[in-house]
Amino acid sequence: MLTNKNMTMTTANSMDIESRISFKPIPSEHRTLITYSYTTLTMKDGGGYVAYIPGFDIIYFADTEEEANVTGDAMMETFFDFWTKNEGQRAFMLELNRMGFRSQRHDYDMANLLKSKTVGKANFKLNRSSIPPEFASAQKFNRESNFAVAS
């Protein structure tokens, strides 16, 4: 499912959380390209690492920092795989709305995405990004990936 991955690393002191999801129809291929970005906050905890993905409220543990990044990618891939393949477009869009993702024309985009059988072009950004205080000094990894689904 994952077709492209990019990563940048900084410290979490600025707490600029990147959580975005965009939908771009590719009519000639009868597919929709879904691009998403997210932030993973990682910090040392005992003999391993604890990681948190804000916006998706995913917390997990890993033995190494590299394992934390690989696990984060797998968690996000599983999240999108579950919602796009198992639950369907309507449930997926409602879940994104519940999680706090909004577009500039949110009501219009949501109505169109919920009514249609295919996803139209839309860009959603997470409006809330509260970070637990224990992650204030964590390393911040901004990640981006994309995949295509049949439309």
N, C-alpha and C. Protein backbone atom coordinates (compact mmCIF):
# COMPACT_ATOMS: atom_id res chain seq x y z
N MET A 1 0.82 -1.19 0.00
CA MET A 1 0.00 0.00 0.00
C MET A 1 0.87 1.26 0.00
N LEU A 2 1.94 1.33 0.80
CA LEU A 2 2.80 2.50 0.85
C LEU A 2 3.58 2.59 -0.45
N THR A 3 3.52 3.74 -1.12
CA THR A 3 4.24 3.85 -2.37
C THR A 3 5.37 4.86 -2.31
N ASN A 4 5.34 5.77 -1.34
CA ASN A 4 6.37 6.80 -1.27
C ASN A 4 6.50 7.26 0.17
N LYS A 5 7.75 7.38 0.65
CA LYS A 5 7.96 7.84 2.02
C LYS A 5 9.04 8.91 2.05
N ASN A 6 8.82 9.96 2.84
CA ASN A 6 9.81 10.99 3.10
C ASN A 6 9.84 11.24 4.60
N MET A 7 11.03 11.64 5.13
CA MET A 7 11.13 11.89 6.56
C MET A 7 12.08 13.05 6.80
N THR A 8 11.72 13.93 7.76
CA THR A 8 12.62 14.94 8.26
C THR A 8 12.60 14.86 9.78
N MET A 9 13.73 15.23 10.43
CA MET A 9 13.81 15.14 11.89
C MET A 9 14.19 16.49 12.47
N THR A 10 13.51 16.90 13.54
CA THR A 10 13.87 18.07 14.32
C THR A 10 13.54 17.76 15.78
N THR A 11 13.80 18.72 16.66
CA THR A 11 13.37 18.52 18.03
C THR A 11 11.95 19.01 18.17
N ALA A 12 11.28 18.55 19.20
CA ALA A 12 9.84 18.83 19.36
C ALA A 12 9.55 20.16 20.03
N ASN A 13 10.58 20.98 20.28
CA ASN A 13 10.33 22.19 21.06
C ASN A 13 9.35 23.15 20.40
N SER A 14 9.31 23.21 19.07
CA SER A 14 8.37 24.12 18.43
C SER A 14 6.96 23.52 18.36
N MET A 15 6.88 22.20 18.43
CA MET A 15 5.61 21.48 18.41
C MET A 15 4.76 21.77 17.19
N ASP A 16 5.42 22.04 16.05
CA ASP A 16 4.69 22.17 14.79
C ASP A 16 4.34 20.77 14.32
N ILE A 17 3.10 20.42 14.47
CA ILE A 17 2.66 19.07 14.14
C ILE A 17 2.10 19.06 12.72
N GLU A 18 2.64 18.19 11.90
CA GLU A 18 2.20 18.05 10.52
C GLU A 18 1.28 16.85 10.41
N SER A 19 0.00 17.11 10.33
CA SER A 19 -0.97 16.04 10.10
C SER A 19 -1.91 16.53 9.01
N ARG A 20 -1.71 15.98 7.82
CA ARG A 20 -2.51 16.38 6.66
C ARG A 20 -2.89 15.14 5.86
N ILE A 21 -4.03 15.24 5.19
CA ILE A 21 -4.48 14.17 4.31
C ILE A 21 -5.09 14.83 3.08
N SER A 22 -4.63 14.42 1.90
CA SER A 22 -5.22 14.97 0.68
C SER A 22 -5.68 13.84 -0.23
N PHE A 23 -6.72 14.12 -0.97
CA PHE A 23 -7.31 13.18 -1.92
C PHE A 23 -7.22 13.81 -3.30
N LYS A 24 -6.67 13.08 -4.26
CA LYS A 24 -6.56 13.57 -5.63
C LYS A 24 -7.03 12.48 -6.59
N PRO A 25 -8.16 12.69 -7.24
CA PRO A 25 -8.66 11.68 -8.18
C PRO A 25 -7.75 11.57 -9.40
N ILE A 26 -7.59 10.35 -9.88
CA ILE A 26 -6.87 10.09 -11.13
C ILE A 26 -7.86 9.35 -12.03
N PRO A 27 -8.76 10.10 -12.69
CA PRO A 27 -9.84 9.47 -13.45
C PRO A 27 -9.36 8.49 -14.53
N SER A 28 -8.24 8.82 -15.19
CA SER A 28 -7.76 7.94 -16.26
C SER A 28 -7.36 6.56 -15.75
N GLU A 29 -7.03 6.46 -14.46
CA GLU A 29 -6.63 5.18 -13.87
C GLU A 29 -7.71 4.61 -12.95
N HIS A 30 -8.83 5.32 -12.83
CA HIS A 30 -9.92 4.91 -11.92
C HIS A 30 -9.40 4.69 -10.50
N ARG A 31 -8.52 5.60 -10.07
CA ARG A 31 -7.94 5.52 -8.73
C ARG A 31 -7.94 6.90 -8.10
N THR A 32 -7.80 6.92 -6.79
CA THR A 32 -7.62 8.15 -6.04
C THR A 32 -6.32 8.06 -5.29
N LEU A 33 -5.48 9.08 -5.44
CA LEU A 33 -4.20 9.14 -4.71
C LEU A 33 -4.46 9.80 -3.36
N ILE A 34 -4.11 9.10 -2.30
CA ILE A 34 -4.24 9.65 -0.94
C ILE A 34 -2.83 9.91 -0.43
N THR A 35 -2.54 11.17 -0.15
CA THR A 35 -1.24 11.56 0.40
C THR A 35 -1.47 12.00 1.83
N TYR A 36 -0.61 11.55 2.72
CA TYR A 36 -0.77 11.94 4.12
C TYR A 36 0.58 12.25 4.74
N SER A 37 0.56 13.17 5.68
CA SER A 37 1.76 13.49 6.46
C SER A 37 1.38 13.46 7.93
N TYR A 38 2.34 13.12 8.74
CA TYR A 38 2.11 13.04 10.17
C TYR A 38 3.43 13.24 10.90
N THR A 39 3.33 13.50 12.18
CA THR A 39 4.50 13.72 13.03
C THR A 39 4.58 12.60 14.05
N THR A 40 5.77 12.09 14.24
CA THR A 40 6.02 11.13 15.30
C THR A 40 6.95 11.79 16.32
N LEU A 41 6.55 11.78 17.58
CA LEU A 41 7.38 12.28 18.68
C LEU A 41 7.98 11.07 19.38
N THR A 42 9.32 11.03 19.46
CA THR A 42 10.02 9.88 20.01
C THR A 42 10.95 10.33 21.13
N MET A 43 10.93 9.58 22.24
CA MET A 43 11.86 9.89 23.33
C MET A 43 12.32 8.61 24.01
N LYS A 44 13.50 8.70 24.60
CA LYS A 44 14.10 7.58 25.31
C LYS A 44 13.27 7.28 26.56
N ASP A 45 13.04 6.01 26.81
CA ASP A 45 12.28 5.59 27.99
C ASP A 45 12.87 4.29 28.49
N GLY A 46 13.64 4.36 29.55
CA GLY A 46 14.29 3.16 30.07
C GLY A 46 15.25 2.59 29.05
N GLY A 47 15.07 1.32 28.70
CA GLY A 47 15.95 0.68 27.74
C GLY A 47 15.48 0.79 26.31
N GLY A 48 14.42 1.55 26.04
CA GLY A 48 13.90 1.65 24.68
C GLY A 48 13.38 3.04 24.40
N TYR A 49 12.40 3.10 23.54
CA TYR A 49 11.82 4.37 23.12
C TYR A 49 10.29 4.29 23.18
N VAL A 50 9.71 5.41 23.55
CA VAL A 50 8.25 5.54 23.48
C VAL A 50 7.98 6.57 22.38
N ALA A 51 6.99 6.28 21.56
CA ALA A 51 6.66 7.17 20.45
C ALA A 51 5.17 7.49 20.47
N TYR A 52 4.86 8.68 20.00
CA TYR A 52 3.49 9.17 19.99
C TYR A 52 3.22 9.83 18.64
N ILE A 53 2.09 9.51 18.03
CA ILE A 53 1.68 10.14 16.78
C ILE A 53 0.46 10.99 17.09
N PRO A 54 0.67 12.32 17.30
CA PRO A 54 -0.44 13.22 17.61
C PRO A 54 -1.46 13.25 16.47
N GLY A 55 -2.67 13.53 16.80
CA GLY A 55 -3.73 13.59 15.80
C GLY A 55 -4.37 12.23 15.57
N PHE A 56 -3.56 11.20 15.60
CA PHE A 56 -4.07 9.84 15.44
C PHE A 56 -4.11 9.12 16.79
N ASP A 57 -3.57 9.79 17.81
CA ASP A 57 -3.55 9.28 19.19
C ASP A 57 -3.01 7.85 19.27
N ILE A 58 -1.89 7.64 18.61
CA ILE A 58 -1.22 6.34 18.62
C ILE A 58 0.03 6.45 19.47
N ILE A 59 0.14 5.59 20.48
CA ILE A 59 1.33 5.52 21.33
C ILE A 59 1.86 4.09 21.26
N TYR A 60 3.17 3.94 21.10
CA TYR A 60 3.76 2.60 21.03
C TYR A 60 5.19 2.64 21.55
N PHE A 61 5.75 1.47 21.76
CA PHE A 61 7.10 1.33 22.28
C PHE A 61 7.98 0.60 21.29
N ALA A 62 9.28 0.89 21.31
CA ALA A 62 10.23 0.23 20.42
C ALA A 62 11.58 0.13 21.13
N ASP A 63 12.40 -0.82 20.70
CA ASP A 63 13.72 -1.00 21.30
C ASP A 63 14.72 0.05 20.82
N THR A 64 14.60 0.50 19.56
CA THR A 64 15.53 1.48 19.00
C THR A 64 14.75 2.60 18.33
N GLU A 65 15.44 3.71 18.07
CA GLU A 65 14.80 4.82 17.38
C GLU A 65 14.42 4.43 15.95
N GLU A 66 15.28 3.66 15.29
CA GLU A 66 14.97 3.19 13.94
C GLU A 66 13.72 2.30 13.95
N GLU A 67 13.64 1.42 14.93
CA GLU A 67 12.46 0.56 15.05
C GLU A 67 11.21 1.40 15.31
N ALA A 68 11.35 2.48 16.06
CA ALA A 68 10.21 3.36 16.34
C ALA A 68 9.69 3.98 15.04
N ASN A 69 10.60 4.39 14.16
CA ASN A 69 10.18 4.97 12.87
C ASN A 69 9.52 3.93 11.97
N VAL A 70 10.10 2.75 11.91
CA VAL A 70 9.54 1.67 11.09
C VAL A 70 8.16 1.28 11.63
N THR A 71 8.05 1.18 12.95
CA THR A 71 6.77 0.83 13.56
C THR A 71 5.73 1.91 13.31
N GLY A 72 6.13 3.18 13.39
CA GLY A 72 5.21 4.28 13.10
C GLY A 72 4.67 4.20 11.68
N ASP A 73 5.56 3.92 10.73
CA ASP A 73 5.11 3.76 9.34
C ASP A 73 4.10 2.62 9.23
N ALA A 74 4.40 1.51 9.89
CA ALA A 74 3.51 0.35 9.84
C ALA A 74 2.16 0.66 10.50
N MET A 75 2.19 1.38 11.61
CA MET A 75 0.94 1.76 12.30
C MET A 75 0.07 2.63 11.41
N MET A 76 0.69 3.61 10.74
CA MET A 76 -0.07 4.50 9.88
C MET A 76 -0.59 3.74 8.66
N GLU A 77 0.22 2.88 8.09
CA GLU A 77 -0.23 2.08 6.96
C GLU A 77 -1.42 1.21 7.36
N THR A 78 -1.35 0.62 8.55
CA THR A 78 -2.45 -0.20 9.05
C THR A 78 -3.70 0.64 9.26
N PHE A 79 -3.55 1.83 9.82
CA PHE A 79 -4.68 2.73 10.03
C PHE A 79 -5.40 3.00 8.71
N PHE A 80 -4.65 3.44 7.71
CA PHE A 80 -5.26 3.78 6.42
C PHE A 80 -5.80 2.54 5.70
N ASP A 81 -5.10 1.44 5.81
CA ASP A 81 -5.55 0.19 5.20
C ASP A 81 -6.90 -0.23 5.79
N PHE A 82 -7.00 -0.17 7.12
CA PHE A 82 -8.24 -0.53 7.80
C PHE A 82 -9.40 0.34 7.34
N TRP A 83 -9.21 1.66 7.38
CA TRP A 83 -10.32 2.56 7.08
C TRP A 83 -10.68 2.58 5.60
N THR A 84 -9.71 2.50 4.70
CA THR A 84 -10.04 2.58 3.28
C THR A 84 -10.54 1.25 2.72
N LYS A 85 -10.03 0.13 3.22
CA LYS A 85 -10.42 -1.17 2.67
C LYS A 85 -11.53 -1.85 3.46
N ASN A 86 -11.49 -1.79 4.78
CA ASN A 86 -12.46 -2.52 5.60
C ASN A 86 -13.73 -1.73 5.90
N GLU A 87 -13.59 -0.45 6.16
CA GLU A 87 -14.74 0.34 6.63
C GLU A 87 -15.43 1.14 5.53
N GLY A 88 -14.73 1.44 4.46
CA GLY A 88 -15.34 2.17 3.36
C GLY A 88 -15.17 3.68 3.46
N GLN A 89 -15.46 4.34 2.34
CA GLN A 89 -15.23 5.78 2.23
C GLN A 89 -16.03 6.60 3.23
N ARG A 90 -17.30 6.30 3.38
CA ARG A 90 -18.15 7.09 4.29
C ARG A 90 -17.64 7.01 5.73
N ALA A 91 -17.37 5.81 6.21
CA ALA A 91 -16.87 5.64 7.58
C ALA A 91 -15.50 6.30 7.74
N PHE A 92 -14.66 6.20 6.72
CA PHE A 92 -13.33 6.81 6.77
C PHE A 92 -13.44 8.33 6.88
N MET A 93 -14.30 8.94 6.08
CA MET A 93 -14.46 10.39 6.13
C MET A 93 -15.03 10.85 7.47
N LEU A 94 -15.97 10.10 8.00
CA LEU A 94 -16.54 10.45 9.31
C LEU A 94 -15.49 10.31 10.41
N GLU A 95 -14.62 9.32 10.31
CA GLU A 95 -13.55 9.15 11.29
C GLU A 95 -12.55 10.30 11.22
N LEU A 96 -12.17 10.73 10.03
CA LEU A 96 -11.27 11.87 9.89
C LEU A 96 -11.91 13.12 10.49
N ASN A 97 -13.19 13.31 10.27
CA ASN A 97 -13.91 14.44 10.85
C ASN A 97 -13.90 14.36 12.37
N ARG A 98 -14.16 13.18 12.91
CA ARG A 98 -14.18 12.98 14.36
C ARG A 98 -12.81 13.28 14.98
N MET A 99 -11.75 12.94 14.25
CA MET A 99 -10.39 13.14 14.75
C MET A 99 -9.95 14.60 14.70
N GLY A 100 -10.70 15.44 13.99
CA GLY A 100 -10.38 16.87 13.95
C GLY A 100 -9.77 17.35 12.65
N PHE A 101 -9.78 16.54 11.60
CA PHE A 101 -9.26 16.98 10.31
C PHE A 101 -10.30 17.86 9.63
N ARG A 102 -9.84 19.02 9.13
CA ARG A 102 -10.73 19.98 8.50
C ARG A 102 -10.09 20.51 7.21
N SER A 103 -10.95 20.84 6.25
CA SER A 103 -10.49 21.50 5.03
C SER A 103 -10.97 22.95 5.06
N GLN A 104 -10.50 23.77 4.12
CA GLN A 104 -10.93 25.16 4.10
C GLN A 104 -12.42 25.28 3.83
N ARG A 105 -12.95 24.41 2.98
CA ARG A 105 -14.38 24.37 2.67
C ARG A 105 -14.95 23.10 3.29
N HIS A 106 -14.80 22.96 4.57
CA HIS A 106 -15.04 21.69 5.24
C HIS A 106 -16.45 21.13 5.02
N ASP A 107 -17.47 21.91 5.28
CA ASP A 107 -18.84 21.40 5.13
C ASP A 107 -19.11 20.96 3.70
N TYR A 108 -18.70 21.77 2.73
CA TYR A 108 -18.88 21.46 1.33
C TYR A 108 -18.12 20.18 0.95
N ASP A 109 -16.83 20.11 1.33
CA ASP A 109 -16.02 18.93 1.00
C ASP A 109 -16.57 17.67 1.65
N MET A 110 -16.95 17.76 2.90
CA MET A 110 -17.49 16.57 3.59
C MET A 110 -18.79 16.11 2.94
N ALA A 111 -19.68 17.04 2.62
CA ALA A 111 -20.94 16.67 1.98
C ALA A 111 -20.69 15.97 0.65
N ASN A 112 -19.77 16.51 -0.16
CA ASN A 112 -19.46 15.90 -1.45
C ASN A 112 -18.80 14.54 -1.28
N LEU A 113 -17.87 14.44 -0.35
CA LEU A 113 -17.17 13.17 -0.16
C LEU A 113 -18.09 12.10 0.41
N LEU A 114 -19.03 12.50 1.26
CA LEU A 114 -19.96 11.52 1.83
C LEU A 114 -21.03 11.08 0.84
N LYS A 115 -21.43 11.98 -0.06
CA LYS A 115 -22.49 11.66 -1.02
C LYS A 115 -22.00 10.87 -2.23
N SER A 116 -20.79 11.14 -2.66
CA SER A 116 -20.32 10.53 -3.90
C SER A 116 -19.78 9.12 -3.69
N LYS A 117 -19.72 8.40 -4.77
CA LYS A 117 -19.13 7.06 -4.71
C LYS A 117 -17.63 7.13 -4.87
N THR A 118 -17.13 8.26 -5.38
CA THR A 118 -15.69 8.45 -5.52
C THR A 118 -15.28 9.69 -4.75
N VAL A 119 -14.05 9.72 -4.35
CA VAL A 119 -13.53 10.85 -3.59
C VAL A 119 -13.08 11.93 -4.57
N GLY A 120 -13.53 13.15 -4.35
CA GLY A 120 -13.07 14.28 -5.16
C GLY A 120 -11.80 14.86 -4.57
N LYS A 121 -11.27 15.88 -5.21
CA LYS A 121 -10.05 16.52 -4.71
C LYS A 121 -10.36 17.29 -3.43
N ALA A 122 -9.61 17.02 -2.39
CA ALA A 122 -9.82 17.71 -1.11
C ALA A 122 -8.54 17.61 -0.28
N ASN A 123 -8.29 18.63 0.53
CA ASN A 123 -7.12 18.67 1.41
C ASN A 123 -7.60 18.92 2.83
N PHE A 124 -7.19 18.05 3.75
CA PHE A 124 -7.58 18.16 5.15
C PHE A 124 -6.35 18.34 6.01
N LYS A 125 -6.47 19.21 7.00
CA LYS A 125 -5.39 19.44 7.96
C LYS A 125 -5.96 19.27 9.35
N LEU A 126 -5.15 18.72 10.24
CA LEU A 126 -5.58 18.56 11.62
C LEU A 126 -5.63 19.92 12.29
N ASN A 127 -6.77 20.27 12.87
CA ASN A 127 -6.92 21.56 13.53
C ASN A 127 -6.48 21.54 14.99
N ARG A 128 -6.46 20.40 15.59
CA ARG A 128 -6.03 20.32 16.99
C ARG A 128 -4.74 19.51 17.05
N SER A 129 -3.87 19.93 17.89
CA SER A 129 -2.63 19.17 18.02
C SER A 129 -2.05 19.33 19.42
N SER A 130 -2.87 19.04 20.41
CA SER A 130 -2.37 19.13 21.77
C SER A 130 -1.38 17.98 22.02
N ILE A 131 -0.28 18.35 22.61
CA ILE A 131 0.80 17.40 22.87
C ILE A 131 0.88 17.15 24.37
N PRO A 132 0.91 15.89 24.78
CA PRO A 132 1.09 15.62 26.21
C PRO A 132 2.40 16.24 26.70
N PRO A 133 2.40 16.84 27.89
CA PRO A 133 3.60 17.53 28.38
C PRO A 133 4.84 16.64 28.45
N GLU A 134 4.67 15.35 28.66
CA GLU A 134 5.84 14.47 28.75
C GLU A 134 6.57 14.33 27.41
N PHE A 135 5.95 14.76 26.32
CA PHE A 135 6.60 14.70 25.01
C PHE A 135 7.18 16.04 24.58
N ALA A 136 7.22 17.02 25.48
CA ALA A 136 7.71 18.36 25.15
C ALA A 136 9.17 18.36 24.69
N SER A 137 9.99 17.45 25.18
CA SER A 137 11.40 17.41 24.80
C SER A 137 11.71 16.27 23.83
N ALA A 138 10.69 15.68 23.26
CA ALA A 138 10.89 14.55 22.35
C ALA A 138 11.45 15.00 21.01
N GLN A 139 12.10 14.06 20.31
CA GLN A 139 12.52 14.32 18.94
C GLN A 139 11.30 14.22 18.04
N LYS A 140 11.24 15.10 17.07
CA LYS A 140 10.08 15.16 16.18
C LYS A 140 10.50 14.69 14.80
N PHE A 141 9.77 13.72 14.27
CA PHE A 141 10.00 13.22 12.93
C PHE A 141 8.75 13.51 12.10
N ASN A 142 8.89 14.33 11.06
CA ASN A 142 7.77 14.57 10.13
C ASN A 142 7.88 13.55 9.01
N ARG A 143 6.80 12.86 8.77
CA ARG A 143 6.78 11.79 7.78
C ARG A 143 5.70 12.07 6.75
N GLU A 144 5.92 11.60 5.53
CA GLU A 144 4.92 11.74 4.48
C GLU A 144 4.92 10.48 3.63
N SER A 145 3.74 10.09 3.18
CA SER A 145 3.61 8.91 2.34
C SER A 145 2.36 9.04 1.50
N ASN A 146 2.19 8.15 0.55
CA ASN A 146 0.97 8.14 -0.25
C ASN A 146 0.69 6.74 -0.76
N PHE A 147 -0.54 6.56 -1.18
CA PHE A 147 -0.98 5.29 -1.75
C PHE A 147 -2.21 5.58 -2.60
N ALA A 148 -2.58 4.66 -3.43
CA ALA A 148 -3.75 4.83 -4.29
C ALA A 148 -4.79 3.78 -3.97
N VAL A 149 -6.05 4.17 -4.07
CA VAL A 149 -7.17 3.24 -3.88
C VAL A 149 -8.04 3.30 -5.13
N ALA A 150 -8.71 2.21 -5.41
CA ALA A 150 -9.63 2.18 -6.54
C ALA A 150 -10.78 3.12 -6.29
N SER A 151 -11.22 3.80 -7.35
CA SER A 151 -12.35 4.72 -7.19
C SER A 151 -13.50 4.32 -8.08
